[in-house]
Amino acid sequence: MYEKLFSLASIVMPFWLVLILFPKWRVTRILANMAIFPIYLAALYVIGILITIAGSGFGFVHNFGSVEGVTKLLSQPNFAILVWLHILCFDQTIGHYVFRDNMEHRYLPIPAQSIILFLILIFGPLGFLCYLILRKILKKEKKIFHV
């Protein structure tokens, strides 16, 4: 079942390409505003975590408190797939936030936005941090020039 969830999650990859390569396309904006893909990934994650809890209860939670426990959990293929779904879901959610925020306020030029979205896709938090820093800097510059 977990392999099926993994396969189903791969459907979102083309949407990343659309966000990155065609941000001005009307379909891209519609899909981003509906947040279909973060919701879809969240649903896959919920299915997986419910299967895990139904199969073995909440016992895995006690492993969250130590390096050894987390390593033990991640060494289990089914749990590793759940963590992967978790990462994909949050990266997609952050990507949507950045896309929608920047398309509305235009802190960054579109090519820079595409680079940031690629960084979020590949490196998650690094891309998000880059966006927040650039947005803060450019927001200040915008205020300076508009005063």
Protein backbone atom coordinates (compact mmCIF):
# COMPACT_ATOMS: atom_id res chain seq x y z
CA MET A 1 0.00 0.00 0.00
CA TYR A 2 2.81 2.44 0.83
CA GLU A 3 4.37 1.90 -2.59
CA LYS A 4 1.01 2.83 -4.13
CA LEU A 5 0.92 6.04 -2.07
CA PHE A 6 4.45 6.82 -3.29
CA SER A 7 3.39 6.28 -6.91
CA LEU A 8 0.29 8.41 -6.48
CA ALA A 9 2.40 11.23 -5.02
CA SER A 10 4.51 11.44 -8.18
CA ILE A 11 1.52 12.95 -9.99
CA VAL A 12 2.40 16.35 -8.49
CA MET A 13 5.77 16.62 -10.26
CA PRO A 14 4.29 18.02 -13.50
CA PHE A 15 2.58 20.70 -11.44
CA TRP A 16 5.94 21.82 -10.07
CA LEU A 17 7.09 22.23 -13.66
CA VAL A 18 4.02 24.32 -14.46
CA LEU A 19 4.60 26.52 -11.39
CA ILE A 20 8.24 27.02 -12.33
CA LEU A 21 8.04 27.30 -16.12
CA PHE A 22 4.58 28.77 -16.76
CA PRO A 23 3.70 30.97 -13.77
CA LYS A 24 1.64 33.44 -15.81
CA TRP A 25 -0.47 30.75 -17.47
CA ARG A 26 -4.12 31.02 -16.43
CA VAL A 27 -4.34 27.28 -15.66
CA THR A 28 -1.34 27.56 -13.34
CA ARG A 29 -2.97 30.36 -11.40
CA ILE A 30 -6.28 28.51 -11.15
CA LEU A 31 -4.61 25.35 -9.88
CA ALA A 32 -2.46 27.30 -7.43
CA ASN A 33 -5.43 29.23 -6.07
CA MET A 34 -7.35 25.99 -5.55
CA ALA A 35 -4.34 24.40 -3.78
CA ILE A 36 -5.34 21.04 -5.24
CA PHE A 37 -1.89 19.48 -5.07
CA PRO A 38 -1.01 20.31 -1.44
CA ILE A 39 -4.46 19.03 -0.45
CA TYR A 40 -3.95 15.90 -2.57
CA LEU A 41 -0.57 15.19 -0.95
CA ALA A 42 -2.00 15.85 2.51
CA ALA A 43 -4.77 13.34 1.80
CA LEU A 44 -2.21 10.71 0.72
CA TYR A 45 -0.24 11.34 3.90
CA VAL A 46 -3.37 11.03 6.06
CA ILE A 47 -4.23 7.72 4.40
CA GLY A 48 -0.72 6.44 5.07
CA ILE A 49 -0.58 7.57 8.67
CA LEU A 50 -4.04 6.10 9.36
CA ILE A 51 -2.89 2.77 7.93
CA THR A 52 0.18 2.93 10.15
CA ILE A 53 -1.83 3.77 13.27
CA ALA A 54 -4.45 1.12 12.49
CA GLY A 55 -1.68 -1.47 12.04
CA SER A 56 0.53 -0.72 15.01
CA GLY A 57 -1.00 2.06 17.08
CA PHE A 58 0.84 5.16 18.22
CA GLY A 59 3.92 3.28 19.44
CA PHE A 60 6.14 4.86 16.81
CA VAL A 61 5.76 8.27 18.49
CA HIS A 62 8.08 7.30 21.35
CA ASN A 63 10.92 7.11 18.79
CA PHE A 64 10.66 10.84 17.98
CA GLY A 65 12.70 11.86 21.03
CA SER A 66 16.12 10.45 20.14
CA VAL A 67 18.50 10.20 17.22
CA GLU A 68 18.47 6.43 17.53
CA GLY A 69 14.67 6.32 17.53
CA VAL A 70 14.32 8.54 14.47
CA THR A 71 17.02 6.55 12.65
CA LYS A 72 15.19 3.34 13.54
CA LEU A 73 11.92 4.70 12.16
CA LEU A 74 13.52 5.95 8.95
CA SER A 75 15.17 2.58 8.38
CA GLN A 76 11.69 1.08 7.99
CA PRO A 77 10.66 1.40 4.31
CA ASN A 78 6.99 2.07 5.00
CA PHE A 79 7.76 4.77 7.53
CA ALA A 80 10.38 6.31 5.23
CA ILE A 81 7.71 6.59 2.52
CA LEU A 82 5.39 8.34 5.00
CA VAL A 83 8.15 10.79 5.84
CA TRP A 84 8.74 11.36 2.13
CA LEU A 85 5.02 12.13 1.66
CA HIS A 86 5.23 14.51 4.61
CA ILE A 87 8.19 16.32 3.01
CA LEU A 88 6.52 16.47 -0.41
CA CYS A 89 3.34 17.87 1.12
CA PHE A 90 5.11 20.60 3.03
CA ASP A 91 7.38 21.53 0.12
CA GLN A 92 4.33 21.77 -2.13
CA THR A 93 2.50 23.87 0.46
CA ILE A 94 5.45 26.24 0.80
CA GLY A 95 5.81 26.38 -2.99
CA HIS A 96 2.16 27.37 -3.28
CA TYR A 97 2.57 30.02 -0.61
CA VAL A 98 5.60 31.53 -2.35
CA PHE A 99 3.91 31.38 -5.76
CA ARG A 100 0.71 33.02 -4.57
CA ASP A 101 2.45 35.59 -2.39
CA ASN A 102 4.89 36.65 -5.07
CA MET A 103 2.34 36.66 -7.90
CA GLU A 104 0.14 38.96 -5.80
CA HIS A 105 2.83 41.34 -4.53
CA ARG A 106 5.63 40.90 -7.11
CA TYR A 107 8.49 41.12 -4.64
CA LEU A 108 10.70 39.14 -7.04
CA PRO A 109 10.80 39.14 -10.83
CA ILE A 110 9.25 36.01 -12.36
CA PRO A 111 12.62 34.42 -13.32
CA ALA A 112 13.83 34.79 -9.72
CA GLN A 113 10.54 33.33 -8.49
CA SER A 114 11.11 30.31 -10.73
CA ILE A 115 14.59 29.80 -9.29
CA ILE A 116 13.22 30.04 -5.75
CA LEU A 117 10.47 27.51 -6.56
CA PHE A 118 13.10 25.14 -7.97
CA LEU A 119 15.12 25.53 -4.77
CA ILE A 120 12.01 24.75 -2.72
CA LEU A 121 11.35 21.66 -4.83
CA ILE A 122 14.90 20.35 -4.40
CA PHE A 123 16.01 21.76 -1.03
CA GLY A 124 12.74 22.74 0.70
CA PRO A 125 13.62 25.00 3.63
CA LEU A 126 16.66 26.51 1.86
CA GLY A 127 14.45 27.81 -0.97
CA PHE A 128 11.87 29.11 1.48
CA LEU A 129 14.52 30.92 3.52
CA CYS A 130 15.96 32.47 0.35
CA TYR A 131 12.50 33.73 -0.57
CA LEU A 132 11.87 35.23 2.85
CA ILE A 133 15.23 37.00 2.88
CA LEU A 134 14.86 38.35 -0.66
CA ARG A 135 11.28 39.40 0.00
CA LYS A 136 12.33 41.29 3.14
CA ILE A 137 15.17 43.08 1.32
CA LEU A 138 13.11 43.92 -1.76
CA LYS A 139 10.11 44.99 0.32
CA LYS A 140 12.30 47.54 2.12
CA GLU A 141 13.70 48.80 -1.19
CA LYS A 142 10.19 49.13 -2.58
CA LYS A 143 9.18 51.29 0.41
CA ILE A 144 12.27 53.47 0.04
CA PHE A 145 11.55 54.18 -3.62
CA HIS A 146 7.83 54.78 -3.10
CA VAL A 147 8.13 57.27 -0.21
